[in-house]
C-alpha atoms as a PDB file:
ATOM      1  CA  MET A   1      35.616  27.201  12.971  1.00  0.00           C
ATOM      2  CA  LYS A   2      36.494  23.549  13.844  1.00  0.00           C
ATOM      3  CA  MET A   3      33.125  22.835  15.206  1.00  0.00           C
ATOM      4  CA  SER A   4      31.469  23.846  12.083  1.00  0.00           C
ATOM      5  CA  ASN A   5      33.628  21.850   9.871  1.00  0.00           C
ATOM      6  CA  ASN A   6      33.042  18.817  12.035  1.00  0.00           C
ATOM      7  CA  SER A   7      29.125  19.138  12.003  1.00  0.00           C
ATOM      8  CA  SER A   8      29.060  19.737   7.988  1.00  0.00           C
ATOM      9  CA  HIS A   9      31.180  16.656   7.531  1.00  0.00           C
ATOM     10  CA  THR A  10      28.928  14.818   9.790  1.00  0.00           C
ATOM     11  CA  VAL A  11      25.748  16.143   7.840  1.00  0.00           C
ATOM     12  CA  LEU A  12      27.483  15.073   4.537  1.00  0.00           C
ATOM     13  CA  ARG A  13      28.292  11.683   5.791  1.00  0.00           C
ATOM     14  CA  LEU A  14      24.437  11.099   6.878  1.00  0.00           C
ATOM     15  CA  ASN A  15      23.188  12.318   3.588  1.00  0.00           C
ATOM     16  CA  GLU A  16      25.879   9.800   1.839  1.00  0.00           C
ATOM     17  CA  ILE A  17      24.323   6.891   4.202  1.00  0.00           C
ATOM     18  CA  THR A  18      20.707   7.857   3.531  1.00  0.00           C
ATOM     19  CA  THR A  19      21.351   7.952  -0.325  1.00  0.00           C
ATOM     20  CA  ASN A  20      23.139   4.529   0.124  1.00  0.00           C
ATOM     21  CA  ILE A  21      20.274   3.119   2.176  1.00  0.00           C
ATOM     22  CA  TYR A  22      17.627   4.145  -0.771  1.00  0.00           C
ATOM     23  CA  ARG A  23      19.991   2.658  -3.455  1.00  0.00           C
ATOM     24  CA  PHE A  24      20.693  -0.528  -2.106  1.00  0.00           C
ATOM     25  CA  THR A  25      18.088  -1.427   0.325  1.00  0.00           C
ATOM     26  CA  PHE A  26      14.972  -0.113  -1.499  1.00  0.00           C
ATOM     27  CA  PRO A  27      15.173  -2.309  -4.993  1.00  0.00           C
ATOM     28  CA  PRO A  28      15.116  -5.655  -3.066  1.00  0.00           C
ATOM     29  CA  LEU A  29      12.140  -4.442  -1.086  1.00  0.00           C
ATOM     30  CA  ILE A  30      10.415  -2.937  -4.269  1.00  0.00           C
ATOM     31  CA  ILE A  31      10.971  -6.243  -6.328  1.00  0.00           C
ATOM     32  CA  PHE A  32      10.170  -8.637  -3.628  1.00  0.00           C
ATOM     33  CA  GLY A  33       6.874  -6.600  -2.477  1.00  0.00           C
ATOM     34  CA  LEU A  34       5.907  -6.474  -6.062  1.00  0.00           C
ATOM     35  CA  ILE A  35       6.355 -10.314  -6.684  1.00  0.00           C
ATOM     36  CA  GLY A  36       4.587 -10.955  -3.841  1.00  0.00           C
ATOM     37  CA  HIS A  37       1.433  -8.908  -4.493  1.00  0.00           C
ATOM     38  CA  ILE A  38       1.417 -10.186  -7.906  1.00  0.00           C
ATOM     39  CA  LEU A  39       1.486 -13.905  -6.629  1.00  0.00           C
ATOM     40  CA  ASP A  40      -1.435 -12.883  -4.108  1.00  0.00           C
ATOM     41  CA  ILE A  41      -3.456 -11.647  -6.925  1.00  0.00           C
ATOM     42  CA  ILE A  42      -2.730 -14.815  -9.037  1.00  0.00           C
ATOM     43  CA  ILE A  43      -3.542 -16.761  -6.088  1.00  0.00           C
ATOM     44  CA  PHE A  44      -6.842 -15.045  -4.936  1.00  0.00           C
ATOM     45  CA  THR A  45      -8.066 -15.042  -8.395  1.00  0.00           C
ATOM     46  CA  ARG A  46      -8.458 -18.748  -8.642  1.00  0.00           C
ATOM     47  CA  PRO A  47     -12.033 -20.262  -9.085  1.00  0.00           C
ATOM     48  CA  LYS A  48     -12.045 -21.657  -5.408  1.00  0.00           C
ATOM     49  CA  LEU A  49     -10.872 -18.408  -3.686  1.00  0.00           C
ATOM     50  CA  ILE A  50     -12.616 -15.881  -5.679  1.00  0.00           C
ATOM     51  CA  SER A  51     -15.877 -17.180  -4.276  1.00  0.00           C
ATOM     52  CA  ASN A  52     -14.847 -16.449  -0.903  1.00  0.00           C
ATOM     53  CA  SER A  53     -15.544 -13.008   0.345  1.00  0.00           C
ATOM     54  CA  CYS A  54     -12.260 -12.739   2.606  1.00  0.00           C
ATOM     55  CA  CYS A  55     -10.430 -13.344  -0.208  1.00  0.00           C
ATOM     56  CA  ASN A  56     -12.085 -10.600  -2.396  1.00  0.00           C
ATOM     57  CA  TYR A  57     -11.083  -8.317   0.403  1.00  0.00           C
ATOM     58  CA  CYS A  58      -7.551  -9.624   0.405  1.00  0.00           C
ATOM     59  CA  LEU A  59      -7.390  -9.391  -3.376  1.00  0.00           C
ATOM     60  CA  ALA A  60      -8.332  -5.876  -3.228  1.00  0.00           C
ATOM     61  CA  SER A  61      -5.913  -5.271  -0.639  1.00  0.00           C
ATOM     62  CA  SER A  62      -2.899  -6.930  -2.935  1.00  0.00           C
ATOM     63  CA  CYS A  63      -4.040  -4.700  -5.910  1.00  0.00           C
ATOM     64  CA  VAL A  64      -4.043  -1.336  -3.822  1.00  0.00           C
ATOM     65  CA  SER A  65      -0.605  -2.293  -2.254  1.00  0.00           C
ATOM     66  CA  ILE A  66       0.883  -2.337  -5.614  1.00  0.00           C
ATOM     67  CA  ILE A  67      -0.046   1.086  -5.950  1.00  0.00           C
ATOM     68  CA  GLN A  68       1.263   1.846  -2.707  1.00  0.00           C
ATOM     69  CA  ILE A  69       4.981   0.119  -3.692  1.00  0.00           C
ATOM     70  CA  VAL A  70       4.753   2.101  -7.203  1.00  0.00           C
ATOM     71  CA  LEU A  71       3.819   5.400  -6.144  1.00  0.00           C
ATOM     72  CA  GLY A  72       5.472   5.462  -2.588  1.00  0.00           C
ATOM     73  CA  GLN A  73       8.618   3.375  -2.510  1.00  0.00           C
ATOM     74  CA  LEU A  74       9.637   3.444  -6.253  1.00  0.00           C
ATOM     75  CA  VAL A  75       9.238   7.187  -6.176  1.00  0.00           C
ATOM     76  CA  ARG A  76      11.019   7.581  -2.939  1.00  0.00           C
ATOM     77  CA  MET A  77      13.909   5.601  -4.140  1.00  0.00           C
ATOM     78  CA  LEU A  78      14.501   7.569  -7.389  1.00  0.00           C
ATOM     79  CA  LYS A  79      14.252  10.994  -5.473  1.00  0.00           C
ATOM     80  CA  GLY A  80      16.478   9.843  -2.304  1.00  0.00           C
ATOM     81  CA  GLY A  81      18.859   7.309  -3.954  1.00  0.00           C
ATOM     82  CA  TYR A  82      19.319   8.672  -7.326  1.00  0.00           C
ATOM     83  CA  HIS A  83      18.534  12.554  -6.860  1.00  0.00           C
ATOM     84  CA  ILE A  84      15.895  12.445  -9.754  1.00  0.00           C
ATOM     85  CA  PRO A  85      13.803  15.433  -8.875  1.00  0.00           C
ATOM     86  CA  ILE A  86      10.097  15.659  -9.402  1.00  0.00           C
ATOM     87  CA  PRO A  87       9.663  19.202 -10.224  1.00  0.00           C
ATOM     88  CA  VAL A  88       5.790  19.161 -11.442  1.00  0.00           C
ATOM     89  CA  LEU A  89       3.766  20.377  -8.774  1.00  0.00           C
ATOM     90  CA  TRP A  90       0.473  18.353 -10.043  1.00  0.00           C
ATOM     91  CA  TRP A  91       2.106  15.183  -9.952  1.00  0.00           C
ATOM     92  CA  CYS A  92       3.322  15.498  -6.791  1.00  0.00           C
ATOM     93  CA  ARG A  93      -0.055  16.362  -5.289  1.00  0.00           C
ATOM     94  CA  ILE A  94      -1.817  13.355  -7.441  1.00  0.00           C
ATOM     95  CA  ARG A  95       1.072  10.974  -6.254  1.00  0.00           C
ATOM     96  CA  ILE A  96       0.177  12.032  -2.311  1.00  0.00           C
ATOM     97  CA  PHE A  97      -3.440  11.906  -2.819  1.00  0.00           C
ATOM     98  CA  PHE A  98      -3.371   8.270  -4.108  1.00  0.00           C
ATOM     99  CA  LEU A  99      -0.661   7.046  -1.955  1.00  0.00           C
ATOM    100  CA  TYR A 100      -2.628   8.307   1.082  1.00  0.00           C
ATOM    101  CA  SER A 101      -5.744   6.872  -0.379  1.00  0.00           C
ATOM    102  CA  ALA A 102      -3.976   3.619  -0.886  1.00  0.00           C
ATOM    103  CA  TYR A 103      -2.709   3.380   2.738  1.00  0.00           C
ATOM    104  CA  LEU A 104      -6.367   4.048   3.893  1.00  0.00           C
ATOM    105  CA  THR A 105      -7.979   1.811   1.361  1.00  0.00           C
ATOM    106  CA  SER A 106      -5.435  -1.223   2.204  1.00  0.00           C
ATOM    107  CA  THR A 107      -5.926  -1.228   5.872  1.00  0.00           C
ATOM    108  CA  THR A 108      -9.609  -1.042   5.694  1.00  0.00           C
ATOM    109  CA  PHE A 109      -9.606  -4.002   3.405  1.00  0.00           C
ATOM    110  CA  ILE A 110      -7.566  -6.199   5.762  1.00  0.00           C
ATOM    111  CA  THR A 111      -9.871  -4.910   8.622  1.00  0.00           C
ATOM    112  CA  LEU A 112     -12.861  -5.805   6.520  1.00  0.00           C
ATOM    113  CA  ALA A 113     -11.500  -9.277   5.916  1.00  0.00           C
ATOM    114  CA  SER A 114     -11.009  -9.895   9.627  1.00  0.00           C
ATOM    115  CA  ALA A 115     -14.611  -8.507  10.332  1.00  0.00           C
ATOM    116  CA  ASP A 116     -15.715 -10.942   7.459  1.00  0.00           C
ATOM    117  CA  ARG A 117     -14.071 -13.988   9.084  1.00  0.00           C
ATOM    118  CA  TYR A 118     -15.432 -12.953  12.449  1.00  0.00           C
ATOM    119  CA  VAL A 119     -19.217 -12.780  11.113  1.00  0.00           C
ATOM    120  CA  SER A 120     -18.831 -15.950   9.306  1.00  0.00           C
ATOM    121  CA  SER A 121     -18.052 -17.855  12.471  1.00  0.00           C
ATOM    122  CA  CYS A 122     -20.794 -16.053  14.424  1.00  0.00           C
ATOM    123  CA  SER A 123     -23.613 -18.326  15.855  1.00  0.00           C
ATOM    124  CA  GLN A 124     -26.256 -15.685  14.939  1.00  0.00           C
ATOM    125  CA  VAL A 125     -27.289 -16.229  11.186  1.00  0.00           C
ATOM    126  CA  LYS A 126     -28.255 -12.622  10.895  1.00  0.00           C
ATOM    127  CA  TYR A 127     -24.479 -11.865  11.203  1.00  0.00           C
ATOM    128  CA  ARG A 128     -23.529 -14.918   9.050  1.00  0.00           C
ATOM    129  CA  ARG A 129     -25.266 -13.278   6.450  1.00  0.00           C
ATOM    130  CA  TRP A 130     -23.031 -10.432   6.002  1.00  0.00           C
ATOM    131  CA  ALA A 131     -20.006 -12.918   5.149  1.00  0.00           C
ATOM    132  CA  ASN A 132     -20.652 -13.425   1.514  1.00  0.00           C
ATOM    133  CA  VAL A 133     -19.232 -12.242  -1.794  1.00  0.00           C
ATOM    134  CA  LYS A 134     -22.052 -10.278  -2.800  1.00  0.00           C
ATOM    135  CA  VAL A 135     -21.412  -7.905   0.374  1.00  0.00           C
ATOM    136  CA  ALA A 136     -17.782  -7.782  -0.471  1.00  0.00           C
ATOM    137  CA  ARG A 137     -17.963  -6.979  -4.009  1.00  0.00           C
ATOM    138  CA  ARG A 138     -20.170  -3.978  -2.841  1.00  0.00           C
ATOM    139  CA  LEU A 139     -18.203  -2.691   0.061  1.00  0.00           C
ATOM    140  CA  ILE A 140     -14.910  -2.800  -2.035  1.00  0.00           C
ATOM    141  CA  PRO A 141     -15.881   0.088  -4.433  1.00  0.00           C
ATOM    142  CA  ILE A 142     -17.452   1.909  -1.605  1.00  0.00           C
ATOM    143  CA  VAL A 143     -14.359   1.724   0.465  1.00  0.00           C
ATOM    144  CA  LEU A 144     -12.355   3.061  -2.577  1.00  0.00           C
ATOM    145  CA  ILE A 145     -14.820   5.988  -2.839  1.00  0.00           C
ATOM    146  CA  ILE A 146     -14.688   6.940   0.837  1.00  0.00           C
ATOM    147  CA  SER A 147     -11.186   6.729   1.003  1.00  0.00           C
ATOM    148  CA  CYS A 148     -10.567   9.264  -1.885  1.00  0.00           C
ATOM    149  CA  LEU A 149     -13.183  11.469  -0.507  1.00  0.00           C
ATOM    150  CA  CYS A 150     -11.377  11.413   2.847  1.00  0.00           C
ATOM    151  CA  GLN A 151      -8.145  12.297   1.165  1.00  0.00           C
ATOM    152  CA  SER A 152      -9.595  15.103  -0.971  1.00  0.00           C
END
């Protein structure tokens, strides 16, 4: 009997600690994350940077990361920290679909930005031609569509 009472006390204490972590650490992370990505969007939309293909990938990644923060961390904070249930099944499914699509898309955009920087510094002209804004603006919607198809 004593063992069961002790373990239930431990479980209750761990649940309380988890709730406090959601309540007190997630809000600053969400706020700083949103501010950082909004500042990224402001910076990457400047005329000098928007004409750079690498900045287009970073801009797209920042936009998708805002979706990650809102659909992922904000909802997790509300559920885990304030015990606000999300009882609607279709909302949960749509949220998970967009959240995982955003995770895949965001990392793909960062990978494309790295590849863009690599091909822009290649000595062969045929590779350097891939590092331009026209290619970036075509690849961004293609990546969005493919990542959504991968999650469906």
